[in-house]
Amino acid sequence: MTARSVPTVATLFHGGVIWTGTETTDALLIADGVVLAVGEQAHAQPCDAQVDLAGGFLMPSFGDGHAHPLYGGLESAGPAVRACSSVDEIVAAVGEFAAANPHEEWIVGASYDGSLVPAGLFDARWLDAAVPDRPVVLRAWDYHTFWVNSVALQRAGITADTPDPVLGEIPRRSDGSVLGTLREWGATDLVAAVMPPRDEAVRIAALSAAADYFLARGVTWVQDAWVEPADVDTYLAAAAQGALRMRFNLAFYADPRHFDTQITQFASASDRVEATKSPLLTANTVKFFADGVVENETGALLAPYCSGLHSHGMTLWEGDSLAEAARRVDDLGLQIHIHAIGDAAVRQALDAIEYVVRQNGPRDRRPVIAHAQLVDDADIGRFAELGVIPNVQPLWAQMDALMTVLTIPRLGAERADKQYRIRSLESSGAALAFGSDWPVSSGAPLDGIAVAVSRQTAEGAPEGGWTPEEIIPIEQALSSYTAGVAYQAFAESDWGRLVPGASADLVWLEGDPTRTAALDLPALRIRATYLQGQPVYSAEQ
């Protein structure tokens, strides 16, 4: 026997329901960070310690296949605007933060509710009333939009004469003056380019805050789906300081404007991460954006938007450039991860992956299309055919204010009913995985699972669920947030299921989610979270 296989402290979990990912049992034995046995075999072996689950539910810990932990953690470093339910509340929060932080050169915060104002168009003058003398930059919930004050516009050199940039939009007032809302990277980058960088200590603290957030919700692995060069440095510094405390995989952001330069940097950045030999940090993915978002009418559609304001939306990679860029990423052995919201973007992403397969031949590449908000009937089966993982955000599949105020008016009722086709994708044979897109929306898996199994809002609307044919069973929802994400991470033999030899990555719930009403799932308390057999979160702390 190897030294690894000789247990030092064996811990038995019992006294509740234990879900392995495929079946339920009543006992789990772990040692040295791995699962030794389940069920009768767990009872039959000696143990050094016991954990009484007190009637609770033990299962594999969750993974999040698409999130933005650094951005989420940084929200706590700026004005608290996320919970604000009106423009006046946002402006007041910004003013209070500015008064409390007189030495902050820029007031930077996130993330406000874009549905609070018709068409999501916010005026710089509203922020000017609170902070007239310093730049203010707020990100919207979608993280594709800035709302800025007049000083920020001046610092960025944005005037009435500034044309809409490539891959961006600068909305204007009726007199032609700049409104104060900036949409997509071409526009937001104009401001971001003149903003001072955040202090590295603040950024490392943000990653620690993100870990606190996720571990308290039972999540032990996260795909950071938007990583730029400075972010790699922050992750490496955090790893060196022991500030990560959970598993992260980095996806390098591929910008169509700078891709030829970036492609030479991806492999070296991945090598830098691998050289740390950190068990908590990997970097083997590249993130593409095929389009924007429906709420800004920048999501790319096969048929025009109902308003006609932007016609078919925004295609970020023209012609065959996405396919060729994806092939070059595949040449490096890195995983392809494509943001695709509209049905035209989803088709372009599938076409790109089909091209990669045709050019580079078969291998276990597991490409990901994230969001897949709107998928045309003709493309549903292509996910399984091409081995593409749809990473869907189930929390979005509900008739909330974002859907009713911003999304449906742009898509129309008939097309809107083809959004988030979770059951259709799973039934087609696609390897379904879930993610949250936190901080765009809640990073609590139970919040998303509640919607996946009901298609209802927290208030239970509509009765029977919106597009109920896309409801999935609770076991499938749990699996998509555990084993499904593990498969996306090429880690299905390491975590995602509780089988002998797997990492003891666990979450202990106070009740059985398979026997809990859908609307009550978000209230199920997380009793504890374990990573490699060690408690990394406890509700009793």
Protein backbone atom coordinates (compact mmCIF):
# COMPACT_ATOMS: atom_id res chain seq x y z
CA MET A 1 0.00 0.00 0.00
CA THR A 2 1.16 3.53 -0.73
CA ALA A 3 1.42 6.18 1.95
CA ARG A 4 -1.56 7.93 0.34
CA SER A 5 -3.78 4.89 0.76
CA VAL A 6 -3.12 4.53 4.50
CA PRO A 7 -5.78 6.62 6.22
CA THR A 8 -4.68 8.85 9.08
CA VAL A 9 -8.10 9.99 10.31
CA ALA A 10 -11.21 8.28 9.00
CA THR A 11 -14.47 10.20 9.43
CA LEU A 12 -17.91 8.61 9.16
CA PHE A 13 -20.91 10.71 8.12
CA HIS A 14 -24.25 9.22 9.14
CA GLY A 15 -27.64 10.06 10.58
CA GLY A 16 -29.17 11.53 7.45
CA VAL A 17 -29.62 11.05 3.72
CA ILE A 18 -26.44 10.80 1.66
CA TRP A 19 -26.78 11.34 -2.10
CA THR A 20 -23.79 10.09 -4.03
CA GLY A 21 -24.88 11.68 -7.28
CA THR A 22 -26.59 8.53 -8.52
CA GLU A 23 -28.21 6.98 -5.45
CA THR A 24 -29.00 7.59 -1.81
CA THR A 25 -27.44 5.80 1.13
CA ASP A 26 -27.00 6.29 4.87
CA ALA A 27 -23.22 6.41 5.44
CA LEU A 28 -20.07 7.90 3.96
CA LEU A 29 -16.51 7.25 5.12
CA ILE A 30 -13.69 9.63 4.16
CA ALA A 31 -9.99 9.86 4.98
CA ASP A 32 -7.03 11.84 3.69
CA GLY A 33 -9.41 14.04 1.73
CA VAL A 34 -10.99 11.26 -0.35
CA VAL A 35 -14.03 9.03 -0.16
CA LEU A 36 -13.19 5.56 1.16
CA ALA A 37 -16.57 3.86 1.17
CA VAL A 38 -20.34 4.40 1.10
CA GLY A 39 -23.30 2.56 2.55
CA GLU A 40 -22.71 -0.81 4.22
CA GLN A 41 -19.01 -0.77 3.43
CA ALA A 42 -18.68 2.57 5.21
CA HIS A 43 -20.39 1.15 8.29
CA ALA A 44 -18.17 -1.92 8.22
CA GLN A 45 -14.84 -0.07 8.43
CA PRO A 46 -13.31 1.48 11.54
CA CYS A 47 -13.44 5.25 11.94
CA ASP A 48 -11.69 7.80 14.12
CA ALA A 49 -14.40 10.46 14.07
CA GLN A 50 -18.09 10.73 13.28
CA VAL A 51 -20.35 13.48 11.97
CA ASP A 52 -24.03 13.09 12.81
CA LEU A 53 -25.97 14.73 10.00
CA ALA A 54 -28.94 15.28 12.32
CA GLY A 55 -31.43 14.28 9.65
CA GLY A 56 -29.82 16.46 7.04
CA PHE A 57 -28.71 15.77 3.47
CA LEU A 58 -25.11 15.23 2.39
CA MET A 59 -24.19 15.42 -1.29
CA PRO A 60 -21.29 16.37 -3.58
CA SER A 61 -20.48 20.05 -3.28
CA PHE A 62 -21.64 22.28 -6.10
CA GLY A 63 -19.56 23.63 -8.95
CA ASP A 64 -20.30 26.84 -10.82
CA GLY A 65 -19.53 26.52 -14.51
CA HIS A 66 -19.71 30.24 -15.34
CA ALA A 67 -19.17 33.11 -12.91
CA HIS A 68 -17.07 36.22 -12.32
CA PRO A 69 -15.69 35.93 -8.78
CA LEU A 70 -13.27 38.84 -8.94
CA TYR A 71 -15.98 41.22 -10.14
CA GLY A 72 -18.36 39.86 -7.52
CA GLY A 73 -15.89 40.32 -4.72
CA LEU A 74 -15.12 43.86 -5.82
CA GLU A 75 -18.77 44.89 -5.48
CA SER A 76 -18.25 45.16 -1.74
CA ALA A 77 -15.45 47.69 -2.30
CA GLY A 78 -17.76 50.32 -3.83
CA PRO A 79 -21.15 51.90 -3.18
CA ALA A 80 -23.85 49.38 -2.28
CA VAL A 81 -26.25 49.75 -5.20
CA ARG A 82 -27.28 46.16 -5.94
CA ALA A 83 -30.24 46.16 -3.55
CA CYS A 84 -31.50 49.59 -4.63
CA SER A 85 -34.99 49.55 -6.13
CA SER A 86 -35.08 53.05 -7.63
CA VAL A 87 -32.82 55.60 -9.27
CA ASP A 88 -33.16 57.83 -6.21
CA GLU A 89 -31.89 55.02 -3.95
CA ILE A 90 -28.90 54.41 -6.22
CA VAL A 91 -28.00 58.10 -6.34
CA ALA A 92 -28.32 58.35 -2.55
CA ALA A 93 -26.07 55.30 -2.04
CA VAL A 94 -23.46 56.77 -4.37
CA GLY A 95 -23.59 60.11 -2.59
CA GLU A 96 -23.22 58.49 0.84
CA PHE A 97 -20.26 56.41 -0.32
CA ALA A 98 -18.57 59.44 -1.86
CA ALA A 99 -19.03 61.44 1.34
CA ALA A 100 -17.62 58.59 3.42
CA ASN A 101 -14.65 58.14 1.08
CA PRO A 102 -13.41 61.65 0.25
CA HIS A 103 -9.97 60.39 -0.82
CA GLU A 104 -11.29 58.01 -3.50
CA GLU A 105 -10.32 59.59 -6.81
CA TRP A 106 -12.98 57.57 -8.69
CA ILE A 107 -16.25 56.20 -7.33
CA VAL A 108 -16.61 52.74 -8.88
CA GLY A 109 -19.46 50.38 -8.07
CA ALA A 110 -21.77 47.62 -9.24
CA SER A 111 -24.29 46.48 -10.03
CA TYR A 112 -27.52 48.39 -10.56
CA ASP A 113 -30.82 47.05 -11.91
CA GLY A 114 -31.09 48.05 -15.55
CA SER A 115 -34.85 47.50 -15.59
CA LEU A 116 -35.47 50.48 -13.29
CA VAL A 117 -35.51 52.88 -16.25
CA PRO A 118 -37.24 52.46 -19.62
CA ALA A 119 -34.91 50.75 -22.12
CA GLY A 120 -32.21 50.71 -19.45
CA LEU A 121 -31.08 54.24 -20.38
CA PHE A 122 -29.66 56.09 -17.35
CA ASP A 123 -28.71 59.78 -17.40
CA ALA A 124 -25.33 61.12 -16.25
CA ARG A 125 -27.03 64.15 -14.71
CA TRP A 126 -28.73 61.95 -12.11
CA LEU A 127 -25.31 60.94 -10.77
CA ASP A 128 -24.02 64.50 -11.13
CA ALA A 129 -26.55 65.53 -8.50
CA ALA A 130 -24.77 63.31 -5.95
CA VAL A 131 -21.15 63.58 -7.11
CA PRO A 132 -20.45 66.55 -9.40
CA ASP A 133 -16.68 66.78 -8.85
CA ARG A 134 -15.33 63.20 -9.23
CA PRO A 135 -15.85 60.49 -11.83
CA VAL A 136 -18.55 57.93 -11.03
CA VAL A 137 -18.73 54.61 -12.87
CA LEU A 138 -21.42 52.03 -12.13
CA ARG A 139 -21.82 48.68 -13.86
CA ALA A 140 -25.29 47.34 -14.57
CA TRP A 141 -26.37 43.87 -13.48
CA ASP A 142 -25.58 42.57 -16.96
CA TYR A 143 -21.94 43.72 -16.68
CA HIS A 144 -22.15 44.81 -20.32
CA THR A 145 -23.24 48.36 -19.46
CA PHE A 146 -21.80 51.39 -17.64
CA TRP A 147 -23.74 54.28 -16.15
CA VAL A 148 -21.37 57.21 -15.61
CA ASN A 149 -21.53 60.81 -14.53
CA SER A 150 -20.45 63.83 -16.57
CA VAL A 151 -16.95 64.00 -15.04
CA ALA A 152 -16.30 60.40 -16.10
CA LEU A 153 -17.40 61.25 -19.64
CA GLN A 154 -15.07 64.26 -19.65
CA ARG A 155 -12.10 62.20 -18.38
CA ALA A 156 -12.72 59.67 -21.15
CA GLY A 157 -13.03 62.39 -23.79
CA ILE A 158 -16.53 61.29 -24.77
CA THR A 159 -18.47 64.16 -26.34
CA ALA A 160 -21.39 64.66 -28.69
CA ASP A 161 -18.89 64.35 -31.54
CA THR A 162 -17.60 60.95 -30.42
CA PRO A 163 -18.85 58.30 -32.86
CA ASP A 164 -20.13 54.95 -31.70
CA PRO A 165 -17.00 52.80 -31.40
CA VAL A 166 -16.50 49.36 -32.88
CA LEU A 167 -18.30 46.81 -30.64
CA GLY A 168 -20.04 49.47 -28.61
CA GLU A 169 -22.80 52.07 -28.40
CA ILE A 170 -23.03 55.54 -26.86
CA PRO A 171 -26.74 56.42 -26.43
CA ARG A 172 -27.60 60.10 -26.79
CA ARG A 173 -30.31 62.53 -25.79
CA SER A 174 -32.67 64.00 -28.35
CA ASP A 175 -30.36 67.01 -28.75
CA GLY A 176 -27.41 64.75 -29.61
CA SER A 177 -25.59 65.13 -26.29
CA VAL A 178 -24.20 62.02 -24.60
CA LEU A 179 -26.70 60.49 -22.17
CA GLY A 180 -24.43 58.70 -19.70
CA THR A 181 -25.14 55.04 -20.49
CA LEU A 182 -22.41 53.11 -22.33
CA ARG A 183 -23.13 49.73 -23.87
CA GLU A 184 -20.70 46.91 -24.62
CA TRP A 185 -16.89 46.90 -24.55
CA GLY A 186 -16.19 49.30 -27.38
CA ALA A 187 -17.95 52.01 -25.38
CA THR A 188 -17.18 50.96 -21.80
CA ASP A 189 -13.49 50.55 -22.62
CA LEU A 190 -13.29 54.28 -23.36
CA VAL A 191 -13.88 54.93 -19.66
CA ALA A 192 -12.08 51.85 -18.35
CA ALA A 193 -8.93 52.96 -20.18
CA VAL A 194 -8.62 56.11 -18.05
CA MET A 195 -9.67 54.62 -14.71
CA PRO A 196 -6.86 54.06 -12.20
CA PRO A 197 -6.20 50.38 -11.41
CA ARG A 198 -7.53 48.97 -8.19
CA ASP A 199 -4.99 48.40 -5.45
CA GLU A 200 -3.77 44.79 -5.60
CA ALA A 201 -4.56 44.25 -1.92
CA VAL A 202 -8.17 45.23 -2.62
CA ARG A 203 -8.33 42.77 -5.53
CA ILE A 204 -6.89 39.90 -3.48
CA ALA A 205 -9.35 40.69 -0.71
CA ALA A 206 -12.11 40.57 -3.33
CA LEU A 207 -11.14 37.00 -4.28
CA SER A 208 -11.20 36.06 -0.61
CA ALA A 209 -14.65 37.64 -0.30
CA ALA A 210 -15.78 35.68 -3.36
CA ALA A 211 -14.56 32.46 -1.75
CA ASP A 212 -16.50 33.32 1.41
CA TYR A 213 -19.60 33.87 -0.71
CA PHE A 214 -19.38 30.64 -2.67
CA LEU A 215 -18.33 28.35 0.17
CA ALA A 216 -21.27 29.57 2.25
CA ARG A 217 -23.52 28.37 -0.60
CA GLY A 218 -21.90 24.97 -0.97
CA VAL A 219 -19.75 25.77 -4.04
CA THR A 220 -16.13 24.57 -4.11
CA TRP A 221 -15.17 25.00 -7.82
CA VAL A 222 -15.79 28.04 -10.00
CA GLN A 223 -15.07 28.83 -13.63
CA ASP A 224 -13.94 32.44 -13.76
CA ALA A 225 -15.29 33.24 -17.21
CA TRP A 226 -13.53 36.55 -17.88
CA VAL A 227 -9.84 36.80 -16.99
CA GLU A 228 -7.50 39.48 -18.30
CA PRO A 229 -3.71 39.66 -17.80
CA ALA A 230 -3.85 41.70 -14.59
CA ASP A 231 -6.36 39.23 -13.18
CA VAL A 232 -3.88 36.38 -13.68
CA ASP A 233 -1.40 38.30 -11.55
CA THR A 234 -4.05 38.76 -8.85
CA TYR A 235 -4.92 35.07 -8.80
CA LEU A 236 -1.26 34.08 -8.59
CA ALA A 237 -0.69 36.50 -5.71
CA ALA A 238 -3.82 35.23 -3.95
CA ALA A 239 -2.65 31.64 -4.37
CA ALA A 240 0.74 32.51 -2.92
CA GLN A 241 -0.94 34.13 0.09
CA GLY A 242 -3.39 31.24 0.65
CA ALA A 243 -6.34 33.53 -0.08
CA LEU A 244 -8.15 31.30 -2.60
CA ARG A 245 -9.53 28.58 -0.26
CA MET A 246 -11.52 26.94 -3.07
CA ARG A 247 -10.94 25.73 -6.63
CA PHE A 248 -10.81 28.22 -9.50
CA ASN A 249 -10.26 27.69 -13.22
CA LEU A 250 -9.36 30.74 -15.27
CA ALA A 251 -10.76 31.48 -18.73
CA PHE A 252 -8.67 34.03 -20.62
CA TYR A 253 -10.75 36.69 -22.36
CA ALA A 254 -10.40 36.65 -26.15
CA ASP A 255 -11.01 40.10 -27.66
CA PRO A 256 -11.60 40.18 -31.43
CA ARG A 257 -9.85 43.55 -31.60
CA HIS A 258 -6.61 42.21 -30.12
CA PHE A 259 -6.76 38.46 -30.63
CA ASP A 260 -3.61 38.11 -32.73
CA THR A 261 -1.61 39.54 -29.84
CA GLN A 262 -3.52 37.67 -27.14
CA ILE A 263 -3.13 34.23 -28.69
CA THR A 264 0.63 34.44 -28.12
CA GLN A 265 0.03 35.11 -24.42
CA PHE A 266 -2.56 32.46 -23.51
CA ALA A 267 -0.14 29.51 -23.39
CA SER A 268 2.43 31.40 -21.31
CA ALA A 269 -0.23 32.58 -18.87
CA SER A 270 -1.49 29.01 -18.52
CA ASP A 271 2.07 27.83 -17.92
CA ARG A 272 2.55 30.47 -15.20
CA VAL A 273 -0.50 29.16 -13.36
CA GLU A 274 0.52 25.53 -13.81
CA ALA A 275 4.00 26.31 -12.49
CA THR A 276 2.53 27.24 -9.10
CA LYS A 277 1.34 23.63 -8.72
CA SER A 278 -1.52 25.03 -6.68
CA PRO A 279 -4.22 22.41 -6.13
CA LEU A 280 -6.78 25.22 -6.16
CA LEU A 281 -5.85 27.03 -9.38
CA THR A 282 -5.91 26.00 -13.03
CA ALA A 283 -6.03 27.98 -16.27
CA ASN A 284 -6.92 25.88 -19.29
CA THR A 285 -9.81 27.78 -20.89
CA VAL A 286 -10.33 30.69 -23.28
CA LYS A 287 -13.53 32.74 -23.18
CA PHE A 288 -15.10 34.21 -26.32
CA PHE A 289 -18.08 36.55 -26.54
CA ALA A 290 -20.16 35.84 -29.64
CA ASP A 291 -22.65 38.62 -28.83
CA GLY A 292 -23.98 40.90 -26.12
CA VAL A 293 -27.28 40.64 -24.24
CA VAL A 294 -30.93 40.84 -25.23
CA GLU A 295 -31.68 43.56 -22.68
CA ASN A 296 -29.34 45.94 -24.57
CA GLU A 297 -30.50 44.60 -27.93
CA THR A 298 -26.91 43.52 -28.53
CA GLY A 299 -27.66 39.81 -28.36
CA ALA A 300 -27.36 38.46 -31.92
CA LEU A 301 -30.68 37.19 -33.34
CA LEU A 302 -31.66 35.31 -36.48
CA ALA A 303 -34.74 37.54 -36.85
CA PRO A 304 -34.84 41.26 -35.97
CA TYR A 305 -35.74 42.65 -32.58
CA CYS A 306 -39.34 43.73 -32.21
CA SER A 307 -38.31 47.35 -31.74
CA GLY A 308 -35.98 47.26 -34.72
CA LEU A 309 -33.63 49.58 -32.82
CA HIS A 310 -30.60 47.42 -33.47
CA SER A 311 -32.13 45.11 -36.03
CA HIS A 312 -30.45 41.70 -35.51
CA GLY A 313 -28.19 42.78 -32.65
CA MET A 314 -24.42 42.74 -32.43
CA THR A 315 -22.10 40.09 -33.86
CA LEU A 316 -18.71 40.51 -32.22
CA TRP A 317 -16.71 38.20 -34.51
CA GLU A 318 -17.41 38.86 -38.16
CA GLY A 319 -17.41 36.24 -40.91
CA ASP A 320 -15.39 33.15 -40.06
CA SER A 321 -13.14 34.95 -37.56
CA LEU A 322 -14.68 33.22 -34.52
CA ALA A 323 -14.20 29.80 -36.09
CA GLU A 324 -10.58 30.52 -36.97
CA ALA A 325 -9.83 32.01 -33.53
CA ALA A 326 -11.40 28.97 -31.86
CA ARG A 327 -9.24 26.69 -33.99
CA ARG A 328 -6.10 28.52 -32.90
CA VAL A 329 -7.13 28.17 -29.25
CA ASP A 330 -7.79 24.48 -29.82
CA ASP A 331 -4.31 24.17 -31.33
CA LEU A 332 -2.97 25.15 -27.90
CA GLY A 333 -4.96 22.39 -26.24
CA LEU A 334 -7.09 24.92 -24.36
CA GLN A 335 -10.84 24.61 -23.81
CA ILE A 336 -13.22 26.79 -25.85
CA HIS A 337 -15.86 28.64 -23.80
CA ILE A 338 -18.23 30.86 -25.81
CA HIS A 339 -20.79 33.34 -24.47
CA ALA A 340 -23.78 33.09 -26.82
CA ILE A 341 -27.11 34.66 -25.86
CA GLY A 342 -29.11 35.05 -29.08
CA ASP A 343 -30.01 32.28 -31.49
CA ALA A 344 -27.73 33.71 -34.19
CA ALA A 345 -24.82 33.78 -31.74
CA VAL A 346 -25.54 30.20 -30.65
CA ARG A 347 -25.52 29.11 -34.27
CA GLN A 348 -22.28 30.95 -34.95
CA ALA A 349 -20.72 29.32 -31.88
CA LEU A 350 -21.84 25.85 -32.96
CA ASP A 351 -20.57 26.50 -36.47
CA ALA A 352 -17.21 27.56 -35.04
CA ILE A 353 -16.90 24.41 -32.97
CA GLU A 354 -17.94 22.27 -35.94
CA TYR A 355 -15.14 23.93 -37.91
CA VAL A 356 -12.63 23.19 -35.14
CA VAL A 357 -13.62 19.53 -35.08
CA ARG A 358 -13.38 19.31 -38.85
CA GLN A 359 -9.99 21.02 -39.01
CA ASN A 360 -8.27 19.58 -35.95
CA GLY A 361 -9.88 16.16 -35.77
CA PRO A 362 -11.43 14.34 -32.84
CA ARG A 363 -10.19 14.73 -29.28
CA ASP A 364 -11.70 15.18 -25.83
CA ARG A 365 -12.05 18.98 -26.05
CA ARG A 366 -15.42 19.58 -24.26
CA PRO A 367 -16.21 23.00 -25.70
CA VAL A 368 -18.73 25.09 -23.78
CA ILE A 369 -21.47 27.42 -24.97
CA ALA A 370 -22.50 29.54 -22.01
CA HIS A 371 -26.02 30.92 -21.51
CA ALA A 372 -27.64 29.55 -24.71
CA GLN A 373 -30.58 31.80 -23.88
CA LEU A 374 -32.25 31.45 -27.27
CA VAL A 375 -31.61 28.31 -29.36
CA ASP A 376 -33.27 27.71 -32.71
CA ASP A 377 -35.05 24.37 -33.19
CA ALA A 378 -32.54 23.37 -35.86
CA ASP A 379 -29.63 23.77 -33.43
CA ILE A 380 -30.88 21.90 -30.35
CA GLY A 381 -29.46 18.54 -31.47
CA ARG A 382 -26.11 19.98 -32.55
CA PHE A 383 -24.88 20.34 -28.96
CA ALA A 384 -24.80 16.56 -28.44
CA GLU A 385 -23.62 15.90 -31.99
CA LEU A 386 -20.58 18.15 -31.53
CA GLY A 387 -19.92 17.28 -27.89
CA VAL A 388 -20.73 20.84 -26.81
CA ILE A 389 -21.60 21.44 -23.17
CA PRO A 390 -24.46 23.93 -22.73
CA ASN A 391 -23.71 25.82 -19.52
CA VAL A 392 -27.07 27.37 -18.68
CA GLN A 393 -28.03 29.78 -15.90
CA PRO A 394 -31.29 28.23 -14.64
CA LEU A 395 -32.12 31.17 -12.38
CA TRP A 396 -32.84 33.26 -15.48
CA ALA A 397 -35.65 30.98 -16.69
CA GLN A 398 -38.40 32.89 -14.88
CA MET A 399 -40.87 35.70 -15.49
CA ASP A 400 -39.15 38.28 -13.30
CA ALA A 401 -38.92 42.03 -13.96
CA LEU A 402 -35.88 41.62 -16.18
CA MET A 403 -37.83 39.22 -18.36
CA THR A 404 -41.12 41.10 -18.46
CA VAL A 405 -39.78 44.68 -18.64
CA LEU A 406 -36.71 44.29 -20.86
CA THR A 407 -36.52 40.87 -22.53
CA ILE A 408 -39.98 39.92 -23.77
CA PRO A 409 -40.76 43.34 -25.32
CA ARG A 410 -37.60 42.95 -27.38
CA LEU A 411 -38.14 39.33 -28.44
CA GLY A 412 -41.93 39.13 -28.63
CA ALA A 413 -43.99 36.52 -26.78
CA GLU A 414 -43.62 33.66 -29.26
CA ARG A 415 -39.84 33.88 -29.51
CA ALA A 416 -39.49 34.58 -25.78
CA ASP A 417 -41.08 31.22 -25.04
CA LYS A 418 -38.09 29.51 -26.66
CA GLN A 419 -35.65 30.78 -24.06
CA TYR A 420 -33.61 28.59 -21.69
CA ARG A 421 -34.58 25.27 -23.25
CA ILE A 422 -33.00 23.27 -20.46
CA ARG A 423 -35.12 20.13 -20.75
CA SER A 424 -34.86 20.12 -24.54
CA LEU A 425 -31.08 20.32 -24.42
CA GLU A 426 -30.78 17.63 -21.77
CA SER A 427 -33.21 15.33 -23.58
CA SER A 428 -31.20 15.74 -26.79
CA GLY A 429 -28.24 14.07 -25.09
CA ALA A 430 -26.20 17.20 -24.41
CA ALA A 431 -23.99 17.16 -21.30
CA LEU A 432 -25.86 19.84 -19.36
CA ALA A 433 -23.98 21.94 -16.82
CA PHE A 434 -25.18 24.85 -14.70
CA GLY A 435 -23.65 28.16 -13.70
CA SER A 436 -24.80 31.37 -12.05
CA ASP A 437 -22.96 34.21 -13.85
CA TRP A 438 -22.52 35.72 -10.37
CA PRO A 439 -22.53 38.64 -9.65
CA VAL A 440 -24.88 39.20 -12.59
CA SER A 441 -27.31 37.09 -10.59
CA SER A 442 -27.34 35.03 -7.40
CA GLY A 443 -24.49 32.57 -7.04
CA ALA A 444 -26.51 30.28 -4.77
CA PRO A 445 -27.11 27.00 -6.64
CA LEU A 446 -30.31 26.34 -4.70
CA ASP A 447 -31.75 29.59 -6.07
CA GLY A 448 -31.13 28.41 -9.62
CA ILE A 449 -32.27 24.86 -8.94
CA ALA A 450 -35.56 26.18 -7.56
CA VAL A 451 -36.27 27.79 -10.93
CA ALA A 452 -35.02 24.82 -12.95
CA VAL A 453 -37.57 22.54 -11.31
CA SER A 454 -40.48 25.02 -11.35
CA ARG A 455 -39.91 27.79 -13.96
CA GLN A 456 -41.52 30.09 -11.39
CA THR A 457 -40.60 33.28 -9.59
CA ALA A 458 -40.04 33.30 -5.83
CA GLU A 459 -43.70 34.30 -5.53
CA GLY A 460 -44.83 31.18 -7.44
CA ALA A 461 -45.76 32.91 -10.71
CA PRO A 462 -47.01 31.75 -13.07
CA GLU A 463 -49.01 28.84 -11.73
CA GLY A 464 -47.64 25.65 -13.24
CA GLY A 465 -44.48 27.42 -14.41
CA TRP A 466 -43.43 29.45 -17.43
CA THR A 467 -42.84 27.13 -20.42
CA PRO A 468 -43.38 24.13 -18.12
CA GLU A 469 -42.25 21.70 -20.80
CA GLU A 470 -38.69 22.82 -19.98
CA ILE A 471 -38.92 21.91 -16.28
CA ILE A 472 -36.39 19.26 -15.24
CA PRO A 473 -36.51 16.79 -12.31
CA ILE A 474 -34.73 17.77 -9.10
CA GLU A 475 -32.15 14.98 -9.44
CA GLN A 476 -31.16 16.25 -12.88
CA ALA A 477 -30.90 19.79 -11.57
CA LEU A 478 -28.65 18.68 -8.71
CA SER A 479 -26.53 16.65 -11.11
CA SER A 480 -26.12 19.59 -13.52
CA TYR A 481 -24.73 21.68 -10.66
CA THR A 482 -22.37 18.90 -9.50
CA ALA A 483 -21.36 16.10 -11.89
CA GLY A 484 -22.28 18.22 -14.91
CA VAL A 485 -19.87 20.97 -13.90
CA ALA A 486 -17.22 18.40 -12.96
CA TYR A 487 -17.44 17.03 -16.49
CA GLN A 488 -17.08 20.55 -17.89
CA ALA A 489 -13.96 20.91 -15.71
CA PHE A 490 -12.45 17.60 -16.94
CA ALA A 491 -12.66 16.55 -13.29
CA GLU A 492 -15.40 13.91 -13.27
CA SER A 493 -12.98 11.31 -11.87
CA ASP A 494 -11.96 13.71 -9.05
CA TRP A 495 -15.14 15.34 -7.79
CA GLY A 496 -18.84 15.76 -8.55
CA ARG A 497 -19.88 12.34 -7.23
CA LEU A 498 -19.32 10.57 -3.91
CA VAL A 499 -17.64 7.35 -4.96
CA PRO A 500 -14.54 5.61 -3.54
CA GLY A 501 -11.42 7.47 -4.60
CA ALA A 502 -13.18 10.78 -5.31
CA SER A 503 -12.24 13.97 -3.48
CA ALA A 504 -14.36 14.47 -0.40
CA ASP A 505 -15.89 17.73 -1.63
CA LEU A 506 -19.19 17.82 0.21
CA VAL A 507 -22.10 20.05 1.10
CA TRP A 508 -24.34 19.32 4.07
CA LEU A 509 -27.88 20.70 3.75
CA GLU A 510 -30.31 20.90 6.62
CA GLY A 511 -33.01 19.10 4.61
CA ASP A 512 -33.54 16.85 1.62
CA PRO A 513 -33.90 18.94 -1.57
CA THR A 514 -35.51 16.02 -3.39
CA ARG A 515 -38.38 16.18 -0.89
CA THR A 516 -38.58 19.97 -0.61
CA ALA A 517 -41.09 22.11 -2.49
CA ALA A 518 -39.41 24.08 -5.28
CA LEU A 519 -40.21 27.48 -3.81
CA ASP A 520 -38.72 26.41 -0.47
CA LEU A 521 -35.38 25.24 -1.89
CA PRO A 522 -33.60 28.62 -1.56
CA ALA A 523 -34.34 28.60 2.17
CA LEU A 524 -32.62 25.25 2.76
CA ARG A 525 -29.74 26.10 5.06
CA ILE A 526 -26.19 25.07 4.20
CA ARG A 527 -24.91 23.45 7.39
CA ALA A 528 -21.32 22.95 6.19
CA THR A 529 -19.12 22.76 3.12
CA TYR A 530 -16.06 20.50 2.84
CA LEU A 531 -13.15 20.65 0.41
CA GLN A 532 -10.95 17.56 0.29
CA GLY A 533 -12.52 16.42 3.52
CA GLN A 534 -11.78 19.64 5.42
CA PRO A 535 -14.56 21.95 6.61
CA VAL A 536 -14.20 25.25 4.74
CA TYR A 537 -17.55 26.67 5.83
CA SER A 538 -19.78 26.00 8.80
CA ALA A 539 -23.07 27.65 9.64
CA GLU A 540 -22.08 27.37 13.30
CA GLN A 541 -19.03 29.59 12.89
